[in-house]
Amino acid sequence: MPADGARTDGPWEHRFVAANGARFHLVEAGAGRPVVLVHGYPGFWWTWRGIIPALAEAGHRVIAVDVRGFGASDKPPLGYDLTTSVADLAGVIRSLGEERAVVIGHGLGAWTVRHLSVFAPAVVSAVGLVSMPAPGRLGPYAAPFPRAQLRHYLSGLRMPTPRDPGGADVRAEDVERVLRTGSGADRRWVTPDVVARHTDALAQPFVSHATAESFGRLRPSVRERRQIAQRIAIASRVFVAHGSLDPFVGLAEALRVTGDAHGPLRVEIIPDAGHFLPEEAPGALAGALIDWLR
């Protein structure tokens, strides 16, 4: 079973699945149409704790996964590029016995989910993009360096890199600073328990390496940029949610993705909320998702 830091009892079950050459930890609840939840940074499956029961009660099979390098999933030295991250999600969906799923991502996870429609469209019935970062242009000749908005996003989320490869020197005050800085008007959700759980998750061995590698996902390789440029449109149904007070990703930048949505589109702006919508405003986000999924 998962390590203590990743195993939290609740109205869900913990399990592991093998996919794309790695083992992934996930929690599952409910039955019905599959909905896969992909956490961002800093986070692990527990990011979705306020969303999982609501979607399950609404009649969905809800799967919240720890992505490669985080939570109780495998933490290999390689495989954090965009195409591998997408292949991981596609493999998890198939390993769960599903042909297609609704896939919803937050933050860095949303950036990966957005590209399921590029690299693995056959497994996606709809995508949800929550607090998605807005990197620079993705044409085949895009500049190799991120735009100012991406630099701002990275600087807001970055914490000091642990000197200890085991992650023992991850500091709770750094985690709390990122969570509070990224919040909207109400920071009461940043409790000592929330800080402690995120700190413990980041302090696991090799998570710091996975973090550094995963941020590189926002700067696709030349090959990936060429592939994206050929299939930039999102043909499936798209849900976009963003906090009106997100200090890391401006609203105008976040909504640029709507120009790529060629299918049905729904946009939800959550008032007074910041970047960490699944934890800051789980009720509002879950309600909007249930209505969209209906």
C-alpha atoms as a PDB file:
ATOM      1  CA  MET A   1       0.000   0.000   0.000  1.00  0.00           C
ATOM      2  CA  PRO A   2       1.076   3.636  -0.295  1.00  0.00           C
ATOM      3  CA  ALA A   3       3.460   5.250   2.138  1.00  0.00           C
ATOM      4  CA  ASP A   4       1.830   6.816   5.195  1.00  0.00           C
ATOM      5  CA  GLY A   5       2.091  10.330   3.751  1.00  0.00           C
ATOM      6  CA  ALA A   6       0.106   9.317   0.685  1.00  0.00           C
ATOM      7  CA  ARG A   7      -2.431   7.027   2.335  1.00  0.00           C
ATOM      8  CA  THR A   8      -5.376   8.912   3.758  1.00  0.00           C
ATOM      9  CA  ASP A   9      -8.589   7.099   4.594  1.00  0.00           C
ATOM     10  CA  GLY A  10     -11.821   8.439   3.164  1.00  0.00           C
ATOM     11  CA  PRO A  11     -14.677   7.557   0.823  1.00  0.00           C
ATOM     12  CA  TRP A  12     -12.223   6.089  -1.699  1.00  0.00           C
ATOM     13  CA  GLU A  13      -9.957   3.089  -2.223  1.00  0.00           C
ATOM     14  CA  HIS A  14      -6.196   3.093  -2.773  1.00  0.00           C
ATOM     15  CA  ARG A  15      -4.668   0.977  -5.520  1.00  0.00           C
ATOM     16  CA  PHE A  16      -1.727   0.688  -7.896  1.00  0.00           C
ATOM     17  CA  VAL A  17      -1.708   0.168 -11.661  1.00  0.00           C
ATOM     18  CA  ALA A  18       1.145  -0.449 -14.084  1.00  0.00           C
ATOM     19  CA  ALA A  19       1.325   1.798 -17.142  1.00  0.00           C
ATOM     20  CA  ASN A  20       3.972   2.974 -19.585  1.00  0.00           C
ATOM     21  CA  GLY A  21       6.778   1.178 -17.770  1.00  0.00           C
ATOM     22  CA  ALA A  22       6.013   2.561 -14.294  1.00  0.00           C
ATOM     23  CA  ARG A  23       3.729   1.889 -11.329  1.00  0.00           C
ATOM     24  CA  PHE A  24       1.160   4.541 -10.442  1.00  0.00           C
ATOM     25  CA  HIS A  25      -0.713   5.040  -7.206  1.00  0.00           C
ATOM     26  CA  LEU A  26      -4.286   6.289  -7.394  1.00  0.00           C
ATOM     27  CA  VAL A  27      -7.456   6.495  -5.368  1.00  0.00           C
ATOM     28  CA  GLU A  28     -10.815   5.515  -6.771  1.00  0.00           C
ATOM     29  CA  ALA A  29     -14.411   6.157  -5.769  1.00  0.00           C
ATOM     30  CA  GLY A  30     -17.838   5.702  -7.302  1.00  0.00           C
ATOM     31  CA  ALA A  31     -19.044   3.984 -10.447  1.00  0.00           C
ATOM     32  CA  GLY A  32     -20.128   5.183 -13.856  1.00  0.00           C
ATOM     33  CA  ARG A  33     -18.425   7.236 -16.522  1.00  0.00           C
ATOM     34  CA  PRO A  34     -14.679   7.500 -15.725  1.00  0.00           C
ATOM     35  CA  VAL A  35     -13.285  10.866 -14.649  1.00  0.00           C
ATOM     36  CA  VAL A  36      -9.516  11.065 -14.108  1.00  0.00           C
ATOM     37  CA  LEU A  37      -8.144  13.847 -11.882  1.00  0.00           C
ATOM     38  CA  VAL A  38      -4.525  14.972 -12.355  1.00  0.00           C
ATOM     39  CA  HIS A  39      -2.881  17.085  -9.661  1.00  0.00           C
ATOM     40  CA  GLY A  40      -0.532  20.015 -10.162  1.00  0.00           C
ATOM     41  CA  TYR A  41       2.356  21.372  -8.101  1.00  0.00           C
ATOM     42  CA  PRO A  42       2.785  21.316  -5.187  1.00  0.00           C
ATOM     43  CA  GLY A  43       0.403  18.445  -4.806  1.00  0.00           C
ATOM     44  CA  PHE A  44      -0.466  14.790  -5.077  1.00  0.00           C
ATOM     45  CA  TRP A  45      -3.795  12.942  -5.360  1.00  0.00           C
ATOM     46  CA  TRP A  46      -4.925  14.480  -2.033  1.00  0.00           C
ATOM     47  CA  THR A  47      -5.281  17.834  -3.835  1.00  0.00           C
ATOM     48  CA  TRP A  48      -8.671  16.541  -5.039  1.00  0.00           C
ATOM     49  CA  ARG A  49      -9.986  15.378  -1.642  1.00  0.00           C
ATOM     50  CA  GLY A  50     -12.863  17.873  -1.749  1.00  0.00           C
ATOM     51  CA  ILE A  51     -13.818  16.980  -5.324  1.00  0.00           C
ATOM     52  CA  ILE A  52     -13.672  13.169  -5.316  1.00  0.00           C
ATOM     53  CA  PRO A  53     -16.743  12.451  -3.129  1.00  0.00           C
ATOM     54  CA  ALA A  54     -18.893  15.017  -4.928  1.00  0.00           C
ATOM     55  CA  LEU A  55     -18.174  13.603  -8.387  1.00  0.00           C
ATOM     56  CA  ALA A  56     -18.621  10.036  -7.132  1.00  0.00           C
ATOM     57  CA  GLU A  57     -21.995  10.884  -5.593  1.00  0.00           C
ATOM     58  CA  ALA A  58     -22.993  12.459  -8.910  1.00  0.00           C
ATOM     59  CA  GLY A  59     -22.583   9.080 -10.624  1.00  0.00           C
ATOM     60  CA  HIS A  60     -19.008   8.991 -11.879  1.00  0.00           C
ATOM     61  CA  ARG A  61     -16.103   6.601 -11.491  1.00  0.00           C
ATOM     62  CA  VAL A  62     -13.531   9.032 -10.086  1.00  0.00           C
ATOM     63  CA  ILE A  63      -9.811   8.278 -10.284  1.00  0.00           C
ATOM     64  CA  ALA A  64      -7.275  10.672  -8.741  1.00  0.00           C
ATOM     65  CA  VAL A  65      -3.766   9.690  -9.778  1.00  0.00           C
ATOM     66  CA  ASP A  66      -0.312  10.473  -8.417  1.00  0.00           C
ATOM     67  CA  VAL A  67       1.677  11.428 -11.502  1.00  0.00           C
ATOM     68  CA  ARG A  68       5.150  10.056 -12.144  1.00  0.00           C
ATOM     69  CA  GLY A  69       7.608  11.274  -9.514  1.00  0.00           C
ATOM     70  CA  PHE A  70       5.028  12.325  -6.908  1.00  0.00           C
ATOM     71  CA  GLY A  71       2.962  10.842  -4.100  1.00  0.00           C
ATOM     72  CA  ALA A  72       3.262   7.062  -3.944  1.00  0.00           C
ATOM     73  CA  SER A  73       3.880   6.579  -7.680  1.00  0.00           C
ATOM     74  CA  ASP A  74       7.249   5.497  -9.068  1.00  0.00           C
ATOM     75  CA  LYS A  75       9.994   8.118  -9.169  1.00  0.00           C
ATOM     76  CA  PRO A  76      12.371   7.050 -11.947  1.00  0.00           C
ATOM     77  CA  PRO A  77      15.201   9.329 -13.129  1.00  0.00           C
ATOM     78  CA  LEU A  78      13.655   9.830 -16.572  1.00  0.00           C
ATOM     79  CA  GLY A  79      10.265  10.256 -18.205  1.00  0.00           C
ATOM     80  CA  TYR A  80       9.100  13.734 -17.180  1.00  0.00           C
ATOM     81  CA  ASP A  81       8.851  15.229 -20.676  1.00  0.00           C
ATOM     82  CA  LEU A  82       5.482  16.180 -22.136  1.00  0.00           C
ATOM     83  CA  THR A  83       5.013  13.200 -24.435  1.00  0.00           C
ATOM     84  CA  THR A  84       5.913  10.667 -21.735  1.00  0.00           C
ATOM     85  CA  SER A  85       3.640  12.384 -19.216  1.00  0.00           C
ATOM     86  CA  VAL A  86       0.759  12.167 -21.684  1.00  0.00           C
ATOM     87  CA  ALA A  87       1.565   8.508 -22.394  1.00  0.00           C
ATOM     88  CA  ASP A  88       1.497   7.859 -18.642  1.00  0.00           C
ATOM     89  CA  LEU A  89      -2.075   9.161 -18.376  1.00  0.00           C
ATOM     90  CA  ALA A  90      -3.202   7.292 -21.475  1.00  0.00           C
ATOM     91  CA  GLY A  91      -1.662   4.111 -20.081  1.00  0.00           C
ATOM     92  CA  VAL A  92      -3.353   4.551 -16.713  1.00  0.00           C
ATOM     93  CA  ILE A  93      -6.748   4.946 -18.393  1.00  0.00           C
ATOM     94  CA  ARG A  94      -6.252   1.758 -20.401  1.00  0.00           C
ATOM     95  CA  SER A  95      -4.852  -0.125 -17.382  1.00  0.00           C
ATOM     96  CA  LEU A  96      -8.073   0.708 -15.554  1.00  0.00           C
ATOM     97  CA  GLY A  97      -9.992  -1.090 -18.306  1.00  0.00           C
ATOM     98  CA  GLU A  98     -11.389   2.074 -19.871  1.00  0.00           C
ATOM     99  CA  GLU A  99     -11.225   3.013 -23.527  1.00  0.00           C
ATOM    100  CA  ARG A 100     -11.849   6.719 -22.945  1.00  0.00           C
ATOM    101  CA  ALA A 101     -12.247   9.052 -19.997  1.00  0.00           C
ATOM    102  CA  VAL A 102     -12.935  12.626 -19.027  1.00  0.00           C
ATOM    103  CA  VAL A 103      -9.579  13.935 -17.814  1.00  0.00           C
ATOM    104  CA  ILE A 104      -9.309  16.996 -15.564  1.00  0.00           C
ATOM    105  CA  GLY A 105      -6.016  18.564 -14.569  1.00  0.00           C
ATOM    106  CA  HIS A 106      -4.915  21.344 -12.248  1.00  0.00           C
ATOM    107  CA  GLY A 107      -1.923  23.612 -12.820  1.00  0.00           C
ATOM    108  CA  LEU A 108       0.988  21.669 -14.235  1.00  0.00           C
ATOM    109  CA  GLY A 109      -1.328  18.668 -14.523  1.00  0.00           C
ATOM    110  CA  ALA A 110      -3.694  20.710 -16.688  1.00  0.00           C
ATOM    111  CA  TRP A 111      -0.824  21.496 -19.060  1.00  0.00           C
ATOM    112  CA  THR A 112      -0.345  17.746 -19.551  1.00  0.00           C
ATOM    113  CA  VAL A 113      -4.080  17.104 -19.885  1.00  0.00           C
ATOM    114  CA  ARG A 114      -4.369  19.827 -22.530  1.00  0.00           C
ATOM    115  CA  HIS A 115      -1.958  17.847 -24.699  1.00  0.00           C
ATOM    116  CA  LEU A 116      -3.782  14.539 -24.425  1.00  0.00           C
ATOM    117  CA  SER A 117      -5.786  15.799 -27.391  1.00  0.00           C
ATOM    118  CA  VAL A 118      -2.519  16.226 -29.302  1.00  0.00           C
ATOM    119  CA  PHE A 119      -0.664  13.022 -28.498  1.00  0.00           C
ATOM    120  CA  ALA A 120      -3.413  10.605 -27.348  1.00  0.00           C
ATOM    121  CA  PRO A 121      -6.821  11.839 -28.570  1.00  0.00           C
ATOM    122  CA  ALA A 122      -8.298   8.342 -28.676  1.00  0.00           C
ATOM    123  CA  VAL A 123      -8.422   8.087 -24.850  1.00  0.00           C
ATOM    124  CA  VAL A 124     -10.065  11.467 -24.223  1.00  0.00           C
ATOM    125  CA  SER A 125     -13.805  12.127 -24.271  1.00  0.00           C
ATOM    126  CA  ALA A 126     -13.478  15.595 -22.676  1.00  0.00           C
ATOM    127  CA  VAL A 127     -10.835  17.670 -20.901  1.00  0.00           C
ATOM    128  CA  GLY A 128     -10.999  19.960 -17.907  1.00  0.00           C
ATOM    129  CA  LEU A 129      -8.296  22.602 -17.485  1.00  0.00           C
ATOM    130  CA  VAL A 130      -8.146  24.153 -14.011  1.00  0.00           C
ATOM    131  CA  SER A 131      -5.720  27.018 -13.303  1.00  0.00           C
ATOM    132  CA  MET A 132      -3.662  26.065 -16.335  1.00  0.00           C
ATOM    133  CA  PRO A 133      -0.371  27.912 -16.871  1.00  0.00           C
ATOM    134  CA  ALA A 134       0.041  29.890 -20.072  1.00  0.00           C
ATOM    135  CA  PRO A 135       3.469  29.303 -21.620  1.00  0.00           C
ATOM    136  CA  GLY A 136       4.631  31.030 -24.781  1.00  0.00           C
ATOM    137  CA  ARG A 137       3.638  30.312 -28.365  1.00  0.00           C
ATOM    138  CA  LEU A 138       3.911  26.665 -29.356  1.00  0.00           C
ATOM    139  CA  GLY A 139       4.567  26.969 -33.093  1.00  0.00           C
ATOM    140  CA  PRO A 140       7.411  24.912 -34.600  1.00  0.00           C
ATOM    141  CA  TYR A 141       9.770  27.887 -34.434  1.00  0.00           C
ATOM    142  CA  ALA A 142       8.812  29.121 -30.971  1.00  0.00           C
ATOM    143  CA  ALA A 143      11.593  30.685 -28.941  1.00  0.00           C
ATOM    144  CA  PRO A 144      13.270  28.144 -26.626  1.00  0.00           C
ATOM    145  CA  PHE A 145      12.859  30.441 -23.606  1.00  0.00           C
ATOM    146  CA  PRO A 146       9.545  31.028 -21.830  1.00  0.00           C
ATOM    147  CA  ARG A 147       7.697  34.292 -22.009  1.00  0.00           C
ATOM    148  CA  ALA A 148       7.447  36.688 -19.070  1.00  0.00           C
ATOM    149  CA  GLN A 149       4.172  35.109 -17.967  1.00  0.00           C
ATOM    150  CA  LEU A 150       5.768  31.682 -17.723  1.00  0.00           C
ATOM    151  CA  ARG A 151       8.730  33.060 -15.785  1.00  0.00           C
ATOM    152  CA  HIS A 152       6.266  34.658 -13.369  1.00  0.00           C
ATOM    153  CA  TYR A 153       4.427  31.348 -12.970  1.00  0.00           C
ATOM    154  CA  LEU A 154       7.614  29.422 -12.266  1.00  0.00           C
ATOM    155  CA  SER A 155       8.980  32.005  -9.844  1.00  0.00           C
ATOM    156  CA  GLY A 156       5.736  31.936  -7.863  1.00  0.00           C
ATOM    157  CA  LEU A 157       5.729  28.160  -7.450  1.00  0.00           C
ATOM    158  CA  ARG A 158       9.417  27.425  -7.037  1.00  0.00           C
ATOM    159  CA  MET A 159      10.827  26.562  -3.657  1.00  0.00           C
ATOM    160  CA  PRO A 160      14.481  26.217  -2.654  1.00  0.00           C
ATOM    161  CA  THR A 161      15.907  22.984  -4.077  1.00  0.00           C
ATOM    162  CA  PRO A 162      16.655  20.567  -1.229  1.00  0.00           C
ATOM    163  CA  ARG A 163      20.358  19.915  -0.755  1.00  0.00           C
ATOM    164  CA  ASP A 164      19.506  16.487   0.593  1.00  0.00           C
ATOM    165  CA  PRO A 165      18.552  14.155  -2.304  1.00  0.00           C
ATOM    166  CA  GLY A 166      16.252  12.449   0.173  1.00  0.00           C
ATOM    167  CA  GLY A 167      14.276  15.677   0.527  1.00  0.00           C
ATOM    168  CA  ALA A 168      14.709  15.844   4.290  1.00  0.00           C
ATOM    169  CA  ASP A 169      15.354  19.585   4.254  1.00  0.00           C
ATOM    170  CA  VAL A 170      12.097  20.620   2.568  1.00  0.00           C
ATOM    171  CA  ARG A 171      10.839  23.393   4.843  1.00  0.00           C
ATOM    172  CA  ALA A 172       7.213  23.770   5.868  1.00  0.00           C
ATOM    173  CA  GLU A 173       7.551  27.564   5.828  1.00  0.00           C
ATOM    174  CA  ASP A 174       8.468  27.466   2.123  1.00  0.00           C
ATOM    175  CA  VAL A 175       5.464  25.280   1.340  1.00  0.00           C
ATOM    176  CA  GLU A 176       3.162  27.542   3.336  1.00  0.00           C
ATOM    177  CA  ARG A 177       4.536  30.629   1.573  1.00  0.00           C
ATOM    178  CA  VAL A 178       3.745  29.180  -1.875  1.00  0.00           C
ATOM    179  CA  LEU A 179       0.246  28.094  -0.853  1.00  0.00           C
ATOM    180  CA  ARG A 180      -0.566  31.444   0.744  1.00  0.00           C
ATOM    181  CA  THR A 181       0.993  33.504  -2.043  1.00  0.00           C
ATOM    182  CA  GLY A 182      -1.012  31.580  -4.632  1.00  0.00           C
ATOM    183  CA  SER A 183      -4.310  31.908  -2.778  1.00  0.00           C
ATOM    184  CA  GLY A 184      -7.117  34.332  -3.412  1.00  0.00           C
ATOM    185  CA  ALA A 185      -8.923  36.453  -0.826  1.00  0.00           C
ATOM    186  CA  ASP A 186      -9.499  33.672   1.736  1.00  0.00           C
ATOM    187  CA  ARG A 187      -6.401  31.842   2.987  1.00  0.00           C
ATOM    188  CA  ARG A 188      -8.089  29.954   5.795  1.00  0.00           C
ATOM    189  CA  TRP A 189      -7.768  26.743   3.803  1.00  0.00           C
ATOM    190  CA  VAL A 190      -3.984  26.833   4.379  1.00  0.00           C
ATOM    191  CA  THR A 191      -4.151  25.043   7.727  1.00  0.00           C
ATOM    192  CA  PRO A 192      -1.225  23.421   9.578  1.00  0.00           C
ATOM    193  CA  ASP A 193      -2.526  20.010   8.453  1.00  0.00           C
ATOM    194  CA  VAL A 194      -2.605  21.053   4.772  1.00  0.00           C
ATOM    195  CA  VAL A 195       0.922  22.473   5.012  1.00  0.00           C
ATOM    196  CA  ALA A 196       2.197  19.362   6.795  1.00  0.00           C
ATOM    197  CA  ARG A 197       0.715  16.960   4.238  1.00  0.00           C
ATOM    198  CA  HIS A 198       2.120  18.864   1.266  1.00  0.00           C
ATOM    199  CA  THR A 199       5.484  19.201   2.996  1.00  0.00           C
ATOM    200  CA  ASP A 200       5.637  15.465   3.706  1.00  0.00           C
ATOM    201  CA  ALA A 201       4.750  14.694   0.076  1.00  0.00           C
ATOM    202  CA  LEU A 202       7.491  16.993  -1.254  1.00  0.00           C
ATOM    203  CA  ALA A 203      10.044  15.628   1.227  1.00  0.00           C
ATOM    204  CA  GLN A 204       9.926  12.101  -0.199  1.00  0.00           C
ATOM    205  CA  PRO A 205      13.157  10.907  -1.844  1.00  0.00           C
ATOM    206  CA  PHE A 206      13.591  12.021  -5.465  1.00  0.00           C
ATOM    207  CA  VAL A 207      10.519  14.295  -5.544  1.00  0.00           C
ATOM    208  CA  SER A 208      12.822  17.322  -5.874  1.00  0.00           C
ATOM    209  CA  HIS A 209      14.304  15.765  -9.021  1.00  0.00           C
ATOM    210  CA  ALA A 210      10.817  15.058 -10.389  1.00  0.00           C
ATOM    211  CA  THR A 211       9.837  18.655  -9.655  1.00  0.00           C
ATOM    212  CA  ALA A 212      12.739  20.131 -11.597  1.00  0.00           C
ATOM    213  CA  GLU A 213      12.142  17.785 -14.508  1.00  0.00           C
ATOM    214  CA  SER A 214       8.380  18.378 -14.539  1.00  0.00           C
ATOM    215  CA  PHE A 215       8.718  22.146 -14.798  1.00  0.00           C
ATOM    216  CA  GLY A 216      10.664  21.520 -17.991  1.00  0.00           C
ATOM    217  CA  ARG A 217       7.440  20.040 -19.398  1.00  0.00           C
ATOM    218  CA  LEU A 218       6.250  23.620 -19.927  1.00  0.00           C
ATOM    219  CA  ARG A 219       9.011  24.121 -22.508  1.00  0.00           C
ATOM    220  CA  PRO A 220       8.371  21.398 -25.099  1.00  0.00           C
ATOM    221  CA  SER A 221      11.226  20.111 -27.193  1.00  0.00           C
ATOM    222  CA  VAL A 222      11.581  21.130 -30.842  1.00  0.00           C
ATOM    223  CA  ARG A 223      10.073  17.802 -31.886  1.00  0.00           C
ATOM    224  CA  GLU A 224       7.136  18.243 -29.504  1.00  0.00           C
ATOM    225  CA  ARG A 225       6.523  21.814 -30.659  1.00  0.00           C
ATOM    226  CA  ARG A 226       6.341  20.639 -34.265  1.00  0.00           C
ATOM    227  CA  GLN A 227       3.877  17.914 -33.356  1.00  0.00           C
ATOM    228  CA  ILE A 228       1.756  20.339 -31.344  1.00  0.00           C
ATOM    229  CA  ALA A 229       1.730  22.894 -34.155  1.00  0.00           C
ATOM    230  CA  GLN A 230       0.228  20.307 -36.505  1.00  0.00           C
ATOM    231  CA  ARG A 231      -2.588  19.415 -34.073  1.00  0.00           C
ATOM    232  CA  ILE A 232      -3.042  22.420 -31.820  1.00  0.00           C
ATOM    233  CA  ALA A 233      -6.860  22.275 -31.853  1.00  0.00           C
ATOM    234  CA  ILE A 234      -8.751  20.609 -29.016  1.00  0.00           C
ATOM    235  CA  ALA A 235     -11.579  18.728 -30.690  1.00  0.00           C
ATOM    236  CA  SER A 236     -13.143  17.251 -27.544  1.00  0.00           C
ATOM    237  CA  ARG A 237     -15.414  19.052 -25.093  1.00  0.00           C
ATOM    238  CA  VAL A 238     -13.454  21.523 -22.972  1.00  0.00           C
ATOM    239  CA  PHE A 239     -14.021  22.903 -19.488  1.00  0.00           C
ATOM    240  CA  VAL A 240     -11.845  25.794 -18.296  1.00  0.00           C
ATOM    241  CA  ALA A 241     -11.902  26.989 -14.681  1.00  0.00           C
ATOM    242  CA  HIS A 242      -9.818  29.817 -13.253  1.00  0.00           C
ATOM    243  CA  GLY A 243      -9.721  31.829 -10.069  1.00  0.00           C
ATOM    244  CA  SER A 244     -10.443  35.509 -10.570  1.00  0.00           C
ATOM    245  CA  LEU A 245      -7.572  36.394  -8.219  1.00  0.00           C
ATOM    246  CA  ASP A 246      -5.003  33.845  -9.434  1.00  0.00           C
ATOM    247  CA  PRO A 247      -1.672  35.639  -8.827  1.00  0.00           C
ATOM    248  CA  PHE A 248       0.382  33.144 -10.834  1.00  0.00           C
ATOM    249  CA  VAL A 249      -1.603  33.020 -14.090  1.00  0.00           C
ATOM    250  CA  GLY A 250      -3.467  36.102 -15.289  1.00  0.00           C
ATOM    251  CA  LEU A 251      -7.018  35.586 -16.479  1.00  0.00           C
ATOM    252  CA  ALA A 252      -6.342  36.876 -19.986  1.00  0.00           C
ATOM    253  CA  GLU A 253      -3.392  34.533 -20.375  1.00  0.00           C
ATOM    254  CA  ALA A 254      -5.297  31.558 -18.985  1.00  0.00           C
ATOM    255  CA  LEU A 255      -8.182  32.081 -21.401  1.00  0.00           C
ATOM    256  CA  ARG A 256      -5.933  31.997 -24.454  1.00  0.00           C
ATOM    257  CA  VAL A 257      -6.468  28.246 -24.531  1.00  0.00           C
ATOM    258  CA  THR A 258     -10.122  28.828 -25.426  1.00  0.00           C
ATOM    259  CA  GLY A 259      -8.982  29.860 -28.896  1.00  0.00           C
ATOM    260  CA  ASP A 260      -7.784  26.282 -29.427  1.00  0.00           C
ATOM    261  CA  ALA A 261     -11.117  24.740 -28.397  1.00  0.00           C
ATOM    262  CA  HIS A 262     -12.932  23.691 -31.567  1.00  0.00           C
ATOM    263  CA  GLY A 263     -15.607  21.694 -29.751  1.00  0.00           C
ATOM    264  CA  PRO A 264     -18.133  22.631 -27.050  1.00  0.00           C
ATOM    265  CA  LEU A 265     -16.542  24.976 -24.498  1.00  0.00           C
ATOM    266  CA  ARG A 266     -17.479  26.018 -20.980  1.00  0.00           C
ATOM    267  CA  VAL A 267     -15.593  28.626 -18.939  1.00  0.00           C
ATOM    268  CA  GLU A 268     -16.036  29.106 -15.178  1.00  0.00           C
ATOM    269  CA  ILE A 269     -14.406  32.023 -13.359  1.00  0.00           C
ATOM    270  CA  ILE A 270     -14.451  31.353  -9.607  1.00  0.00           C
ATOM    271  CA  PRO A 271     -14.811  34.688  -7.768  1.00  0.00           C
ATOM    272  CA  ASP A 272     -12.203  35.687  -5.164  1.00  0.00           C
ATOM    273  CA  ALA A 273     -10.253  32.440  -5.650  1.00  0.00           C
ATOM    274  CA  GLY A 274      -6.582  32.075  -6.484  1.00  0.00           C
ATOM    275  CA  HIS A 275      -4.479  29.372  -8.127  1.00  0.00           C
ATOM    276  CA  PHE A 276      -5.280  26.353  -5.954  1.00  0.00           C
ATOM    277  CA  LEU A 277      -8.947  25.957  -6.876  1.00  0.00           C
ATOM    278  CA  PRO A 278      -9.408  22.269  -5.919  1.00  0.00           C
ATOM    279  CA  GLU A 279      -8.362  23.110  -2.354  1.00  0.00           C
ATOM    280  CA  GLU A 280      -9.472  26.747  -2.045  1.00  0.00           C
ATOM    281  CA  ALA A 281     -12.936  26.410  -3.551  1.00  0.00           C
ATOM    282  CA  PRO A 282     -13.803  22.706  -3.785  1.00  0.00           C
ATOM    283  CA  GLY A 283     -17.546  23.306  -3.490  1.00  0.00           C
ATOM    284  CA  ALA A 284     -17.721  25.851  -6.288  1.00  0.00           C
ATOM    285  CA  LEU A 285     -15.412  23.833  -8.540  1.00  0.00           C
ATOM    286  CA  ALA A 286     -17.183  20.528  -7.900  1.00  0.00           C
ATOM    287  CA  GLY A 287     -20.569  22.099  -8.575  1.00  0.00           C
ATOM    288  CA  ALA A 288     -19.410  23.551 -11.879  1.00  0.00           C
ATOM    289  CA  LEU A 289     -17.796  20.251 -12.905  1.00  0.00           C
ATOM    290  CA  ILE A 290     -20.907  18.227 -12.062  1.00  0.00           C
ATOM    291  CA  ASP A 291     -23.067  20.573 -14.089  1.00  0.00           C
ATOM    292  CA  TRP A 292     -20.652  20.388 -17.026  1.00  0.00           C
ATOM    293  CA  LEU A 293     -20.365  16.594 -16.842  1.00  0.00           C
ATOM    294  CA  ARG A 294     -24.142  16.293 -16.750  1.00  0.00           C
END
